[in-house]
Amino acid sequence: MALVAARDLRREGVPVRVLNVLKQRRTVVDQAGLSARQRLANVSGALIVVTGAGRLLAAAPVVLVDDLMTTGASLAEAARAVRAAGGRVVGAGVVAAPRSAFEINWN
């Protein structure tokens, strides 16, 4: 998905790169059936950036890519890991999300 998007952006003259730099630091349980709070706790601290990638991430704004966003917990964890490595997350692209993902939670 990211490669196709990058290819299309490059055709339009946008200089983009796809970097596969996140890896799991620890095992997480299957997120199915977990509440938003449980999902956040499940993935909290689970991702790190591979050694040496911090320089690449710091060189340009970062857009995260995910196939499905339910509560945003995985994207939040990915953003945390990228920021911890010196990157600047400016957005995310997802293929699918439930309608509830776009509702405002005021709690």
C-alpha atoms as a PDB file:
ATOM      1  CA  MET A   1       0.000   0.000   0.000  1.00  0.00           C
ATOM      2  CA  ALA A   2       2.740   2.452   0.935  1.00  0.00           C
ATOM      3  CA  LEU A   3       4.783   1.503  -2.118  1.00  0.00           C
ATOM      4  CA  VAL A   4       1.870   2.139  -4.482  1.00  0.00           C
ATOM      5  CA  ALA A   5       1.118   5.485  -2.853  1.00  0.00           C
ATOM      6  CA  ALA A   6       4.785   6.476  -3.045  1.00  0.00           C
ATOM      7  CA  ARG A   7       4.967   5.498  -6.699  1.00  0.00           C
ATOM      8  CA  ASP A   8       1.951   7.659  -7.514  1.00  0.00           C
ATOM      9  CA  LEU A   9       3.330  10.594  -5.534  1.00  0.00           C
ATOM     10  CA  ARG A  10       6.696  10.322  -7.284  1.00  0.00           C
ATOM     11  CA  ARG A  11       4.915  10.453 -10.660  1.00  0.00           C
ATOM     12  CA  GLU A  12       3.518  13.800  -9.521  1.00  0.00           C
ATOM     13  CA  GLY A  13       6.990  15.034  -8.608  1.00  0.00           C
ATOM     14  CA  VAL A  14       6.764  14.544  -4.847  1.00  0.00           C
ATOM     15  CA  PRO A  15      10.056  13.155  -3.495  1.00  0.00           C
ATOM     16  CA  VAL A  16       8.931  10.404  -1.113  1.00  0.00           C
ATOM     17  CA  ARG A  17      10.521   7.295   0.342  1.00  0.00           C
ATOM     18  CA  VAL A  18       9.026   4.243   1.977  1.00  0.00           C
ATOM     19  CA  LEU A  19      10.894   3.173   5.079  1.00  0.00           C
ATOM     20  CA  ASN A  20      10.056  -0.028   6.913  1.00  0.00           C
ATOM     21  CA  VAL A  21      11.725   0.982  10.156  1.00  0.00           C
ATOM     22  CA  LEU A  22       9.418  -0.133  12.952  1.00  0.00           C
ATOM     23  CA  LYS A  23       9.806  -3.442  14.714  1.00  0.00           C
ATOM     24  CA  GLN A  24       8.183  -5.030  17.718  1.00  0.00           C
ATOM     25  CA  ARG A  25      10.093  -4.763  20.962  1.00  0.00           C
ATOM     26  CA  ARG A  26       7.721  -7.133  22.723  1.00  0.00           C
ATOM     27  CA  THR A  27       4.795  -9.416  21.968  1.00  0.00           C
ATOM     28  CA  VAL A  28       1.253  -8.046  22.076  1.00  0.00           C
ATOM     29  CA  VAL A  29      -2.022  -9.948  22.312  1.00  0.00           C
ATOM     30  CA  ASP A  30      -4.607 -10.013  19.530  1.00  0.00           C
ATOM     31  CA  GLN A  31      -6.496  -6.708  19.636  1.00  0.00           C
ATOM     32  CA  ALA A  32      -9.870  -8.223  18.612  1.00  0.00           C
ATOM     33  CA  GLY A  33     -12.409  -7.760  21.360  1.00  0.00           C
ATOM     34  CA  LEU A  34     -10.318  -5.273  23.349  1.00  0.00           C
ATOM     35  CA  SER A  35     -11.674  -1.854  24.301  1.00  0.00           C
ATOM     36  CA  ALA A  36      -9.895   1.284  23.156  1.00  0.00           C
ATOM     37  CA  ARG A  37      -8.227   1.644  26.549  1.00  0.00           C
ATOM     38  CA  GLN A  38      -7.160  -2.025  26.542  1.00  0.00           C
ATOM     39  CA  ARG A  39      -5.770  -1.706  23.008  1.00  0.00           C
ATOM     40  CA  LEU A  40      -3.694   1.298  24.002  1.00  0.00           C
ATOM     41  CA  ALA A  41      -2.307  -0.540  27.038  1.00  0.00           C
ATOM     42  CA  ASN A  42      -1.655  -3.635  24.911  1.00  0.00           C
ATOM     43  CA  VAL A  43       0.535  -1.836  22.372  1.00  0.00           C
ATOM     44  CA  SER A  44       2.071   0.786  24.665  1.00  0.00           C
ATOM     45  CA  GLY A  45       5.853   0.581  24.338  1.00  0.00           C
ATOM     46  CA  ALA A  46       5.645  -2.374  21.944  1.00  0.00           C
ATOM     47  CA  LEU A  47       7.369  -0.719  18.954  1.00  0.00           C
ATOM     48  CA  ILE A  48      10.863   0.602  18.394  1.00  0.00           C
ATOM     49  CA  VAL A  49      12.690   2.020  15.407  1.00  0.00           C
ATOM     50  CA  VAL A  50      15.411  -0.205  13.979  1.00  0.00           C
ATOM     51  CA  THR A  51      18.965   0.809  14.771  1.00  0.00           C
ATOM     52  CA  GLY A  52      20.308   3.513  12.476  1.00  0.00           C
ATOM     53  CA  ALA A  53      16.931   4.630  11.110  1.00  0.00           C
ATOM     54  CA  GLY A  54      16.621   7.686  13.343  1.00  0.00           C
ATOM     55  CA  ARG A  55      18.761   9.758  10.969  1.00  0.00           C
ATOM     56  CA  LEU A  56      16.476   8.865   8.060  1.00  0.00           C
ATOM     57  CA  LEU A  57      13.347   9.689  10.037  1.00  0.00           C
ATOM     58  CA  ALA A  58      14.717  13.044  11.148  1.00  0.00           C
ATOM     59  CA  ALA A  59      15.502  14.054   7.556  1.00  0.00           C
ATOM     60  CA  ALA A  60      11.882  14.609   6.452  1.00  0.00           C
ATOM     61  CA  PRO A  61       8.305  14.626   7.736  1.00  0.00           C
ATOM     62  CA  VAL A  62       6.851  11.156   8.366  1.00  0.00           C
ATOM     63  CA  VAL A  63       3.446   9.838   7.273  1.00  0.00           C
ATOM     64  CA  LEU A  64       2.482   6.559   8.930  1.00  0.00           C
ATOM     65  CA  VAL A  65       0.647   3.929   6.871  1.00  0.00           C
ATOM     66  CA  ASP A  66      -1.708   1.269   8.236  1.00  0.00           C
ATOM     67  CA  ASP A  67      -4.242  -1.029   6.641  1.00  0.00           C
ATOM     68  CA  LEU A  68      -6.960  -0.635   9.266  1.00  0.00           C
ATOM     69  CA  MET A  69      -7.558   1.873  12.026  1.00  0.00           C
ATOM     70  CA  THR A  70     -10.028   0.889  14.712  1.00  0.00           C
ATOM     71  CA  THR A  71      -9.182   2.959  17.785  1.00  0.00           C
ATOM     72  CA  GLY A  72      -5.883   4.465  16.643  1.00  0.00           C
ATOM     73  CA  ALA A  73      -3.869   2.708  19.366  1.00  0.00           C
ATOM     74  CA  SER A  74      -1.418   1.106  16.924  1.00  0.00           C
ATOM     75  CA  LEU A  75      -0.925   4.357  15.024  1.00  0.00           C
ATOM     76  CA  ALA A  76      -0.413   6.233  18.302  1.00  0.00           C
ATOM     77  CA  GLU A  77       2.234   3.714  19.337  1.00  0.00           C
ATOM     78  CA  ALA A  78       3.939   3.951  15.939  1.00  0.00           C
ATOM     79  CA  ALA A  79       3.957   7.751  16.209  1.00  0.00           C
ATOM     80  CA  ARG A  80       5.433   7.538  19.701  1.00  0.00           C
ATOM     81  CA  ALA A  81       8.244   5.266  18.492  1.00  0.00           C
ATOM     82  CA  VAL A  82       9.015   7.491  15.494  1.00  0.00           C
ATOM     83  CA  ARG A  83       9.078  10.633  17.660  1.00  0.00           C
ATOM     84  CA  ALA A  84      11.317   8.885  20.203  1.00  0.00           C
ATOM     85  CA  ALA A  85      13.785   8.218  17.381  1.00  0.00           C
ATOM     86  CA  GLY A  86      13.781  11.869  16.290  1.00  0.00           C
ATOM     87  CA  GLY A  87      11.136  11.742  13.561  1.00  0.00           C
ATOM     88  CA  ARG A  88       8.314  14.229  13.030  1.00  0.00           C
ATOM     89  CA  VAL A  89       4.974  12.554  12.301  1.00  0.00           C
ATOM     90  CA  VAL A  90       2.714  14.800  10.224  1.00  0.00           C
ATOM     91  CA  GLY A  91      -0.101  12.389   9.438  1.00  0.00           C
ATOM     92  CA  ALA A  92      -1.271   8.893   8.689  1.00  0.00           C
ATOM     93  CA  GLY A  93      -2.833   7.087   5.762  1.00  0.00           C
ATOM     94  CA  VAL A  94      -5.203   4.195   6.311  1.00  0.00           C
ATOM     95  CA  VAL A  95      -7.216   2.045   3.935  1.00  0.00           C
ATOM     96  CA  ALA A  96     -10.197   1.374   6.176  1.00  0.00           C
ATOM     97  CA  ALA A  97     -11.689   2.484   9.466  1.00  0.00           C
ATOM     98  CA  PRO A  98     -15.040   1.973  11.131  1.00  0.00           C
ATOM     99  CA  ARG A  99     -17.376   4.950  11.345  1.00  0.00           C
ATOM    100  CA  SER A 100     -16.782   5.042  15.112  1.00  0.00           C
ATOM    101  CA  ALA A 101     -13.116   5.897  14.505  1.00  0.00           C
ATOM    102  CA  PHE A 102     -14.234   9.334  13.352  1.00  0.00           C
ATOM    103  CA  GLU A 103     -16.459  10.095  16.314  1.00  0.00           C
ATOM    104  CA  ILE A 104     -15.085  12.487  18.903  1.00  0.00           C
ATOM    105  CA  ASN A 105     -14.515  10.962  22.323  1.00  0.00           C
ATOM    106  CA  TRP A 106     -14.697  13.776  24.852  1.00  0.00           C
ATOM    107  CA  ASN A 107     -13.556  11.603  27.768  1.00  0.00           C
END
